[in-house]
Each structure stands twice: as C-alpha cells, then as structure tokens.
C-alpha cells in the first residue's frame, strides 16, 4: 500500500476542506476508494491542520466534479506539481470569470481544459 499523496496547504484559509472520511461518505464509497482516487490523480488532497482532506469545491453532492480529473491530468502532463495545480484551480481569472474550479462546477469545463492544455506551451 503506497502513501496517499498530499499537497501542502497553499489555499486561502476560507477555502473549505473536508476530511477524507467525509469525502467517502459524500461519495457513498469506502474511504479506501477515496485514497485510490487521490493516488490515481482523480482528486487532489492536502494536509490542513494535520488532517488530510479535499477541497469541497472538488465535489458535488454525490460525486467528483465533472472534468476535474482530466484537468488535473492535463496540468500534471504539463509539469505542474500538486500545489501549483491547487493554486491555479483556485486563482480568480477575470476572463472566465471566477476561478477555474468555479468554471468546472459551472458549464465552462471545456474552456478550463483548453486553458490547462495551453499552459504547457
């Protein structure tokens, strides 16, 4: 069993982070499945106040936000580390408007992925 990768907490204190057992409950999955989602790069975890968690913005009521895993993969493929990906997803962009994670949660996932892909060039 490999360790669960966790980024440093680079997010603003007002960004809500939920502990992994709560993520599992929300997704209706065992916590080991959440661990696997993080290991596989479908979710990013960070350690806040010593507790491993996931930003609530990455989740709907019952699943991972559509397009998040693909966006994480695109950014990783372009050489971005977990902390850089977290910063990018939560940095306001007036041209979206809002943050990339807000756009993924809305109806603008294609634009977010296009920008993530272009960041490597």
C-alpha atoms as a PDB file:
ATOM      1  CA  UNK A   1       0.000   0.000   0.000  1.00  0.00           C
ATOM      2  CA  UNK A   2       1.522   3.296  -1.062  1.00  0.00           C
ATOM      3  CA  UNK A   3       1.170   6.503   0.885  1.00  0.00           C
ATOM      4  CA  UNK A   4      -1.583   8.923  -0.034  1.00  0.00           C
ATOM      5  CA  UNK A   5      -0.044  11.897  -1.847  1.00  0.00           C
ATOM      6  CA  UNK A   6      -0.853  15.237  -0.260  1.00  0.00           C
ATOM      7  CA  UNK A   7      -0.011  18.726  -1.423  1.00  0.00           C
ATOM      8  CA  UNK A   8       0.994  21.440   1.015  1.00  0.00           C
ATOM      9  CA  UNK A   9      -1.869  23.680   2.038  1.00  0.00           C
ATOM     10  CA  UNK A  10      -1.463  26.554  -0.420  1.00  0.00           C
ATOM     11  CA  UNK A  11      -5.132  27.549  -0.392  1.00  0.00           C
ATOM     12  CA  UNK A  12      -6.681  30.523   1.359  1.00  0.00           C
ATOM     13  CA  UNK A  13      -7.991  29.759   4.849  1.00  0.00           C
ATOM     14  CA  UNK A  14     -11.567  30.413   3.685  1.00  0.00           C
ATOM     15  CA  UNK A  15     -11.414  27.536   1.140  1.00  0.00           C
ATOM     16  CA  UNK A  16     -13.353  24.738   2.813  1.00  0.00           C
ATOM     17  CA  UNK A  17     -11.549  21.403   3.049  1.00  0.00           C
ATOM     18  CA  UNK A  18     -13.336  18.219   4.093  1.00  0.00           C
ATOM     19  CA  UNK A  19     -11.545  15.232   5.720  1.00  0.00           C
ATOM     20  CA  UNK A  20     -11.251  12.050   3.646  1.00  0.00           C
ATOM     21  CA  UNK A  21     -13.791  10.027   5.696  1.00  0.00           C
ATOM     22  CA  UNK A  22     -16.364  12.769   4.996  1.00  0.00           C
ATOM     23  CA  UNK A  23     -15.454  12.713   1.297  1.00  0.00           C
ATOM     24  CA  UNK A  24     -16.076   8.950   1.291  1.00  0.00           C
ATOM     25  CA  UNK A  25     -19.451   9.394   2.947  1.00  0.00           C
ATOM     26  CA  UNK A  26     -20.453  12.094   0.474  1.00  0.00           C
ATOM     27  CA  UNK A  27     -19.463   9.900  -2.484  1.00  0.00           C
ATOM     28  CA  UNK A  28     -21.072   6.801  -0.974  1.00  0.00           C
ATOM     29  CA  UNK A  29     -17.745   4.970  -1.244  1.00  0.00           C
ATOM     30  CA  UNK A  30     -15.361   3.397   1.261  1.00  0.00           C
ATOM     31  CA  UNK A  31     -12.514   5.648   2.334  1.00  0.00           C
ATOM     32  CA  UNK A  32     -10.073   3.282   0.609  1.00  0.00           C
ATOM     33  CA  UNK A  33     -11.741   4.193  -2.705  1.00  0.00           C
ATOM     34  CA  UNK A  34     -11.134   7.888  -1.950  1.00  0.00           C
ATOM     35  CA  UNK A  35      -7.481   7.046  -1.242  1.00  0.00           C
ATOM     36  CA  UNK A  36      -7.319   5.353  -4.653  1.00  0.00           C
ATOM     37  CA  UNK A  37      -8.928   8.342  -6.399  1.00  0.00           C
ATOM     38  CA  UNK A  38      -6.178  10.522  -4.928  1.00  0.00           C
ATOM     39  CA  UNK A  39      -3.404   8.067  -5.846  1.00  0.00           C
ATOM     40  CA  UNK A  40      -4.792   7.819  -9.395  1.00  0.00           C
ATOM     41  CA  UNK A  41      -4.861  11.612  -9.752  1.00  0.00           C
ATOM     42  CA  UNK A  42      -8.638  11.996  -9.976  1.00  0.00           C
ATOM     43  CA  UNK A  43      -8.625  14.092  -6.807  1.00  0.00           C
ATOM     44  CA  UNK A  44      -6.014  16.215  -5.039  1.00  0.00           C
ATOM     45  CA  UNK A  45      -5.598  16.079  -1.290  1.00  0.00           C
ATOM     46  CA  UNK A  46      -3.868  18.495   1.030  1.00  0.00           C
ATOM     47  CA  UNK A  47      -2.973  18.459   4.680  1.00  0.00           C
ATOM     48  CA  UNK A  48      -4.646  21.202   6.713  1.00  0.00           C
ATOM     49  CA  UNK A  49      -4.016  21.379  10.449  1.00  0.00           C
ATOM     50  CA  UNK A  50      -2.592  17.873  10.303  1.00  0.00           C
ATOM     51  CA  UNK A  51      -5.702  16.387   8.676  1.00  0.00           C
ATOM     52  CA  UNK A  52      -5.729  15.033   5.135  1.00  0.00           C
ATOM     53  CA  UNK A  53      -8.627  16.493   3.166  1.00  0.00           C
ATOM     54  CA  UNK A  54     -10.054  17.524  -0.184  1.00  0.00           C
ATOM     55  CA  UNK A  55     -11.457  20.964  -1.079  1.00  0.00           C
ATOM     56  CA  UNK A  56     -15.250  20.765  -1.031  1.00  0.00           C
ATOM     57  CA  UNK A  57     -15.301  22.622  -4.356  1.00  0.00           C
ATOM     58  CA  UNK A  58     -13.992  19.393  -5.944  1.00  0.00           C
ATOM     59  CA  UNK A  59     -17.230  17.607  -5.033  1.00  0.00           C
ATOM     60  CA  UNK A  60     -20.897  17.804  -5.889  1.00  0.00           C
ATOM     61  CA  UNK A  61     -23.436  16.302  -3.502  1.00  0.00           C
ATOM     62  CA  UNK A  62     -22.615  12.772  -4.669  1.00  0.00           C
ATOM     63  CA  UNK A  63     -19.589  12.763  -6.998  1.00  0.00           C
ATOM     64  CA  UNK A  64     -16.342  14.384  -8.079  1.00  0.00           C
ATOM     65  CA  UNK A  65     -16.875  17.494 -10.224  1.00  0.00           C
ATOM     66  CA  UNK A  66     -17.065  16.561 -13.889  1.00  0.00           C
ATOM     67  CA  UNK A  67     -13.869  17.401 -15.742  1.00  0.00           C
ATOM     68  CA  UNK A  68     -11.689  17.745 -12.639  1.00  0.00           C
ATOM     69  CA  UNK A  69      -9.711  14.532 -13.189  1.00  0.00           C
ATOM     70  CA  UNK A  70      -8.994  15.418 -16.818  1.00  0.00           C
ATOM     71  CA  UNK A  71      -7.895  18.920 -15.872  1.00  0.00           C
ATOM     72  CA  UNK A  72      -5.559  17.576 -13.180  1.00  0.00           C
ATOM     73  CA  UNK A  73      -4.092  15.135 -15.717  1.00  0.00           C
ATOM     74  CA  UNK A  74      -3.544  17.887 -18.308  1.00  0.00           C
ATOM     75  CA  UNK A  75      -1.761  20.077 -15.777  1.00  0.00           C
ATOM     76  CA  UNK A  76       0.366  17.186 -14.466  1.00  0.00           C
ATOM     77  CA  UNK A  77       1.326  16.258 -18.022  1.00  0.00           C
ATOM     78  CA  UNK A  78       2.475  19.866 -18.457  1.00  0.00           C
ATOM     79  CA  UNK A  79       4.808  19.524 -15.455  1.00  0.00           C
ATOM     80  CA  UNK A  80       2.696  21.130 -12.759  1.00  0.00           C
ATOM     81  CA  UNK A  81       3.003  19.834  -9.189  1.00  0.00           C
ATOM     82  CA  UNK A  82       0.003  19.316  -6.902  1.00  0.00           C
ATOM     83  CA  UNK A  83       0.465  22.616  -5.061  1.00  0.00           C
ATOM     84  CA  UNK A  84       0.682  24.513  -8.369  1.00  0.00           C
ATOM     85  CA  UNK A  85      -2.454  22.783  -9.641  1.00  0.00           C
ATOM     86  CA  UNK A  86      -4.338  23.715  -6.468  1.00  0.00           C
ATOM     87  CA  UNK A  87      -3.214  27.336  -6.747  1.00  0.00           C
ATOM     88  CA  UNK A  88      -4.263  27.519 -10.402  1.00  0.00           C
ATOM     89  CA  UNK A  89      -7.677  25.952  -9.795  1.00  0.00           C
ATOM     90  CA  UNK A  90      -8.455  28.469  -7.028  1.00  0.00           C
ATOM     91  CA  UNK A  91      -6.920  31.628  -8.540  1.00  0.00           C
ATOM     92  CA  UNK A  92      -9.515  34.120  -9.800  1.00  0.00           C
ATOM     93  CA  UNK A  93      -9.424  34.795 -13.538  1.00  0.00           C
ATOM     94  CA  UNK A  94     -11.477  37.745 -14.743  1.00  0.00           C
ATOM     95  CA  UNK A  95     -11.691  36.283 -18.236  1.00  0.00           C
ATOM     96  CA  UNK A  96     -13.579  33.180 -17.037  1.00  0.00           C
ATOM     97  CA  UNK A  97     -14.972  34.939 -14.757  1.00  0.00           C
ATOM     98  CA  UNK A  98     -14.265  33.397 -11.381  1.00  0.00           C
ATOM     99  CA  UNK A  99     -11.792  30.612 -10.688  1.00  0.00           C
ATOM    100  CA  UNK A 100     -11.109  27.575 -12.873  1.00  0.00           C
ATOM    101  CA  UNK A 101     -12.756  25.312 -10.286  1.00  0.00           C
ATOM    102  CA  UNK A 102     -15.862  27.541 -10.364  1.00  0.00           C
ATOM    103  CA  UNK A 103     -15.886  27.230 -14.161  1.00  0.00           C
ATOM    104  CA  UNK A 104     -15.601  23.415 -13.937  1.00  0.00           C
ATOM    105  CA  UNK A 105     -18.502  23.379 -11.469  1.00  0.00           C
ATOM    106  CA  UNK A 106     -20.475  25.504 -13.916  1.00  0.00           C
ATOM    107  CA  UNK A 107     -20.899  24.957 -17.610  1.00  0.00           C
ATOM    108  CA  UNK A 108     -17.420  26.022 -18.739  1.00  0.00           C
ATOM    109  CA  UNK A 109     -15.330  22.858 -18.355  1.00  0.00           C
ATOM    110  CA  UNK A 110     -14.237  22.860 -21.981  1.00  0.00           C
ATOM    111  CA  UNK A 111     -12.704  26.333 -21.603  1.00  0.00           C
ATOM    112  CA  UNK A 112     -10.874  25.306 -18.411  1.00  0.00           C
ATOM    113  CA  UNK A 113      -9.417  22.238 -20.127  1.00  0.00           C
ATOM    114  CA  UNK A 114      -8.402  24.324 -23.142  1.00  0.00           C
ATOM    115  CA  UNK A 115      -6.528  26.730 -20.880  1.00  0.00           C
ATOM    116  CA  UNK A 116      -4.907  23.905 -18.902  1.00  0.00           C
ATOM    117  CA  UNK A 117      -3.733  22.331 -22.130  1.00  0.00           C
ATOM    118  CA  UNK A 118      -2.361  25.617 -23.464  1.00  0.00           C
ATOM    119  CA  UNK A 119      -0.372  26.254 -20.271  1.00  0.00           C
ATOM    120  CA  UNK A 120       2.160  23.643 -21.349  1.00  0.00           C
ATOM    121  CA  UNK A 121       3.179  25.553 -24.475  1.00  0.00           C
END
